[in-house]
């Protein structure tokens, strides 16, 4: 997996989606913009709905619901962890 660097101070979620989708930051930003999602929106910083929606739009399968972290061993093979 090749990491994508965030291009905005608050664009870590977009960069994560770009990494998983194997596309550029600009491509995810364009898709986000079409959906009314902006890196500047505080909801993107702590709410998983936007990231889950972007992933789905870009063909990334997501779990049916958000799951709380329990342990490293219980994580699926691929997971995004929100830390703050």
N, C-alpha and C. Protein backbone atom coordinates (compact mmCIF):
# COMPACT_ATOMS: atom_id res chain seq x y z
N UNK A 1 0.86 -1.16 0.00
CA UNK A 1 0.00 0.00 0.00
C UNK A 1 0.91 1.23 0.00
N UNK A 2 0.68 2.12 -0.93
CA UNK A 2 1.47 3.34 -1.03
C UNK A 2 0.72 4.48 -0.34
N UNK A 3 1.32 5.08 0.68
CA UNK A 3 0.62 6.16 1.40
C UNK A 3 0.45 7.40 0.55
N UNK A 4 -0.65 8.10 0.78
CA UNK A 4 -0.93 9.37 0.13
C UNK A 4 -0.82 10.46 1.18
N UNK A 5 -0.05 11.48 0.91
CA UNK A 5 0.17 12.57 1.86
C UNK A 5 -1.01 13.54 1.81
N UNK A 6 -1.47 13.95 2.99
CA UNK A 6 -2.55 14.94 3.03
C UNK A 6 -2.03 16.28 2.55
N UNK A 7 -2.86 16.98 1.81
CA UNK A 7 -2.46 18.27 1.23
C UNK A 7 -3.06 19.45 1.96
N UNK A 8 -3.85 19.17 2.97
CA UNK A 8 -4.47 20.22 3.77
C UNK A 8 -4.25 19.88 5.25
N UNK A 9 -4.23 20.89 6.08
CA UNK A 9 -3.99 20.68 7.51
C UNK A 9 -4.96 19.67 8.11
N UNK A 10 -6.20 19.68 7.65
CA UNK A 10 -7.23 18.80 8.20
C UNK A 10 -7.66 17.71 7.22
N UNK A 11 -6.77 17.34 6.30
CA UNK A 11 -7.12 16.39 5.26
C UNK A 11 -6.67 14.96 5.51
N UNK A 12 -6.44 14.58 6.76
CA UNK A 12 -5.95 13.23 7.03
C UNK A 12 -6.95 12.15 6.60
N UNK A 13 -8.23 12.40 6.80
CA UNK A 13 -9.25 11.43 6.40
C UNK A 13 -9.27 11.24 4.90
N UNK A 14 -9.15 12.34 4.16
CA UNK A 14 -9.13 12.24 2.71
C UNK A 14 -7.90 11.48 2.24
N UNK A 15 -6.76 11.73 2.87
CA UNK A 15 -5.53 11.02 2.52
C UNK A 15 -5.66 9.52 2.82
N UNK A 16 -6.31 9.18 3.91
CA UNK A 16 -6.52 7.76 4.24
C UNK A 16 -7.37 7.08 3.18
N UNK A 17 -8.44 7.73 2.77
CA UNK A 17 -9.31 7.17 1.73
C UNK A 17 -8.53 7.04 0.42
N UNK A 18 -7.75 8.04 0.08
CA UNK A 18 -6.95 7.99 -1.15
C UNK A 18 -5.97 6.81 -1.11
N UNK A 19 -5.37 6.59 0.04
CA UNK A 19 -4.43 5.47 0.19
C UNK A 19 -5.15 4.15 -0.02
N UNK A 20 -6.29 3.97 0.63
CA UNK A 20 -7.04 2.73 0.50
C UNK A 20 -7.56 2.51 -0.92
N UNK A 21 -7.99 3.58 -1.57
CA UNK A 21 -8.54 3.48 -2.93
C UNK A 21 -7.46 3.45 -4.00
N UNK A 22 -6.22 3.71 -3.58
CA UNK A 22 -5.08 3.77 -4.50
C UNK A 22 -5.30 4.81 -5.59
N UNK A 23 -5.74 5.99 -5.16
CA UNK A 23 -5.93 7.13 -6.06
C UNK A 23 -5.25 8.34 -5.44
N UNK A 24 -5.22 9.43 -6.17
CA UNK A 24 -4.57 10.64 -5.67
C UNK A 24 -5.44 11.36 -4.64
N UNK A 25 -4.78 12.21 -3.86
CA UNK A 25 -5.50 13.06 -2.92
C UNK A 25 -6.50 13.93 -3.68
N UNK A 26 -6.06 14.46 -4.82
CA UNK A 26 -6.93 15.33 -5.62
C UNK A 26 -8.20 14.60 -6.08
N UNK A 27 -8.07 13.33 -6.43
CA UNK A 27 -9.24 12.55 -6.86
C UNK A 27 -10.24 12.39 -5.73
N UNK A 28 -9.75 12.13 -4.52
CA UNK A 28 -10.65 11.98 -3.37
C UNK A 28 -11.26 13.33 -3.01
N UNK A 29 -10.46 14.37 -3.07
CA UNK A 29 -10.96 15.71 -2.76
C UNK A 29 -12.08 16.10 -3.73
N UNK A 30 -11.90 15.76 -5.01
CA UNK A 30 -12.92 16.06 -6.03
C UNK A 30 -14.21 15.27 -5.74
N UNK A 31 -14.06 13.99 -5.42
CA UNK A 31 -15.22 13.16 -5.08
C UNK A 31 -15.92 13.70 -3.84
N UNK A 32 -15.13 14.10 -2.85
CA UNK A 32 -15.69 14.65 -1.61
C UNK A 32 -16.46 15.94 -1.90
N UNK A 33 -15.88 16.79 -2.72
CA UNK A 33 -16.53 18.07 -3.06
C UNK A 33 -17.89 17.82 -3.71
N UNK A 34 -17.96 16.84 -4.61
CA UNK A 34 -19.23 16.50 -5.28
C UNK A 34 -20.29 16.06 -4.28
N UNK A 35 -19.84 15.53 -3.14
CA UNK A 35 -20.76 15.05 -2.11
C UNK A 35 -20.96 16.06 -0.99
N UNK A 36 -20.41 17.25 -1.17
CA UNK A 36 -20.56 18.29 -0.15
C UNK A 36 -19.66 18.09 1.05
N UNK A 37 -18.57 17.35 0.86
CA UNK A 37 -17.64 17.06 1.95
C UNK A 37 -16.38 17.89 1.75
N UNK A 38 -15.94 18.55 2.81
CA UNK A 38 -14.74 19.38 2.76
C UNK A 38 -13.83 19.05 3.93
N UNK A 39 -12.52 19.10 3.69
CA UNK A 39 -11.55 18.85 4.77
C UNK A 39 -11.72 19.87 5.90
N UNK A 40 -12.28 21.03 5.59
CA UNK A 40 -12.47 22.08 6.59
C UNK A 40 -13.69 21.85 7.47
N UNK A 41 -14.54 20.89 7.12
CA UNK A 41 -15.76 20.62 7.89
C UNK A 41 -15.40 19.86 9.17
N UNK A 42 -15.70 20.41 10.34
CA UNK A 42 -15.37 19.74 11.60
C UNK A 42 -15.97 18.33 11.74
N UNK A 43 -17.06 18.04 11.04
CA UNK A 43 -17.65 16.70 11.10
C UNK A 43 -16.68 15.65 10.55
N UNK A 44 -15.86 16.04 9.58
CA UNK A 44 -14.90 15.11 9.00
C UNK A 44 -13.83 14.73 10.02
N UNK A 45 -13.61 15.56 11.01
CA UNK A 45 -12.55 15.34 11.99
C UNK A 45 -12.89 14.28 13.01
N UNK A 46 -14.17 14.09 13.31
CA UNK A 46 -14.51 13.15 14.38
C UNK A 46 -15.69 12.24 14.06
N UNK A 47 -16.36 12.45 12.97
CA UNK A 47 -17.51 11.64 12.59
C UNK A 47 -17.09 10.72 11.45
N UNK A 48 -17.41 9.45 11.54
CA UNK A 48 -16.98 8.49 10.52
C UNK A 48 -17.89 8.45 9.29
N UNK A 49 -19.05 9.08 9.35
CA UNK A 49 -20.00 8.98 8.23
C UNK A 49 -19.40 9.46 6.91
N UNK A 50 -18.71 10.59 6.92
CA UNK A 50 -18.13 11.12 5.68
C UNK A 50 -17.09 10.16 5.10
N UNK A 51 -16.23 9.65 5.93
CA UNK A 51 -15.18 8.75 5.46
C UNK A 51 -15.80 7.46 4.93
N UNK A 52 -16.77 6.94 5.64
CA UNK A 52 -17.45 5.72 5.18
C UNK A 52 -18.13 5.96 3.84
N UNK A 53 -18.76 7.12 3.68
CA UNK A 53 -19.43 7.46 2.42
C UNK A 53 -18.42 7.57 1.28
N UNK A 54 -17.30 8.24 1.52
CA UNK A 54 -16.26 8.37 0.50
C UNK A 54 -15.70 7.00 0.11
N UNK A 55 -15.44 6.18 1.10
CA UNK A 55 -14.92 4.84 0.81
C UNK A 55 -15.88 4.07 -0.09
N UNK A 56 -17.14 4.08 0.26
CA UNK A 56 -18.15 3.37 -0.52
C UNK A 56 -18.21 3.91 -1.95
N UNK A 57 -18.19 5.22 -2.09
CA UNK A 57 -18.23 5.85 -3.42
C UNK A 57 -17.05 5.41 -4.27
N UNK A 58 -15.90 5.20 -3.63
CA UNK A 58 -14.69 4.82 -4.37
C UNK A 58 -14.48 3.31 -4.44
N UNK A 59 -15.51 2.55 -4.09
CA UNK A 59 -15.46 1.10 -4.26
C UNK A 59 -14.79 0.34 -3.13
N UNK A 60 -14.63 0.98 -1.98
CA UNK A 60 -14.02 0.32 -0.83
C UNK A 60 -15.13 -0.22 0.06
N UNK A 61 -15.11 -1.51 0.31
CA UNK A 61 -16.13 -2.13 1.15
C UNK A 61 -15.89 -1.73 2.61
N UNK A 62 -16.95 -1.31 3.28
CA UNK A 62 -16.85 -0.93 4.69
C UNK A 62 -17.80 -1.78 5.51
N UNK A 63 -17.52 -1.89 6.80
CA UNK A 63 -18.40 -2.63 7.71
C UNK A 63 -19.76 -1.96 7.76
N UNK A 64 -20.77 -2.70 8.14
CA UNK A 64 -22.13 -2.15 8.22
C UNK A 64 -22.25 -1.03 9.25
N UNK A 65 -21.41 -1.08 10.27
CA UNK A 65 -21.47 -0.04 11.29
C UNK A 65 -20.07 0.22 11.83
N UNK A 66 -19.93 1.34 12.50
CA UNK A 66 -18.68 1.69 13.15
C UNK A 66 -18.46 0.75 14.33
N UNK A 67 -17.22 0.38 14.54
CA UNK A 67 -16.89 -0.51 15.66
C UNK A 67 -15.91 0.17 16.59
N UNK A 68 -16.13 0.02 17.88
CA UNK A 68 -15.20 0.57 18.87
C UNK A 68 -13.95 -0.30 18.95
N UNK A 69 -12.82 0.35 19.15
CA UNK A 69 -11.56 -0.38 19.29
C UNK A 69 -11.59 -1.19 20.58
N UNK A 70 -11.23 -2.47 20.46
CA UNK A 70 -11.17 -3.33 21.63
C UNK A 70 -9.74 -3.81 21.87
N UNK A 71 -9.07 -4.23 20.80
CA UNK A 71 -7.68 -4.66 20.92
C UNK A 71 -7.08 -4.75 19.52
N UNK A 72 -5.76 -4.72 19.45
CA UNK A 72 -5.08 -4.83 18.16
C UNK A 72 -5.38 -6.18 17.52
N UNK A 73 -5.51 -7.21 18.31
CA UNK A 73 -5.75 -8.55 17.80
C UNK A 73 -7.13 -8.69 17.16
N UNK A 74 -8.09 -7.90 17.60
CA UNK A 74 -9.46 -8.01 17.08
C UNK A 74 -9.72 -7.14 15.85
N UNK A 75 -8.73 -6.37 15.44
CA UNK A 75 -8.91 -5.54 14.24
C UNK A 75 -8.95 -6.41 13.00
N UNK A 76 -9.76 -6.04 12.00
CA UNK A 76 -9.73 -6.77 10.73
C UNK A 76 -8.41 -6.50 10.00
N UNK A 77 -8.20 -7.19 8.91
CA UNK A 77 -6.95 -7.04 8.15
C UNK A 77 -6.70 -5.60 7.73
N UNK A 78 -7.76 -4.89 7.39
CA UNK A 78 -7.64 -3.48 7.00
C UNK A 78 -8.64 -2.67 7.80
N UNK A 79 -8.15 -1.65 8.51
CA UNK A 79 -9.03 -0.83 9.34
C UNK A 79 -8.47 0.58 9.44
N UNK A 80 -9.36 1.55 9.57
CA UNK A 80 -8.97 2.92 9.87
C UNK A 80 -9.35 3.18 11.32
N UNK A 81 -8.41 3.71 12.07
CA UNK A 81 -8.68 4.06 13.46
C UNK A 81 -8.70 5.57 13.60
N UNK A 82 -9.76 6.08 14.18
CA UNK A 82 -9.86 7.52 14.44
C UNK A 82 -9.21 7.80 15.77
N UNK A 83 -8.21 8.65 15.76
CA UNK A 83 -7.55 9.02 17.00
C UNK A 83 -7.58 10.53 17.16
N UNK A 84 -7.70 10.95 18.37
CA UNK A 84 -7.75 12.40 18.60
C UNK A 84 -7.24 12.68 19.98
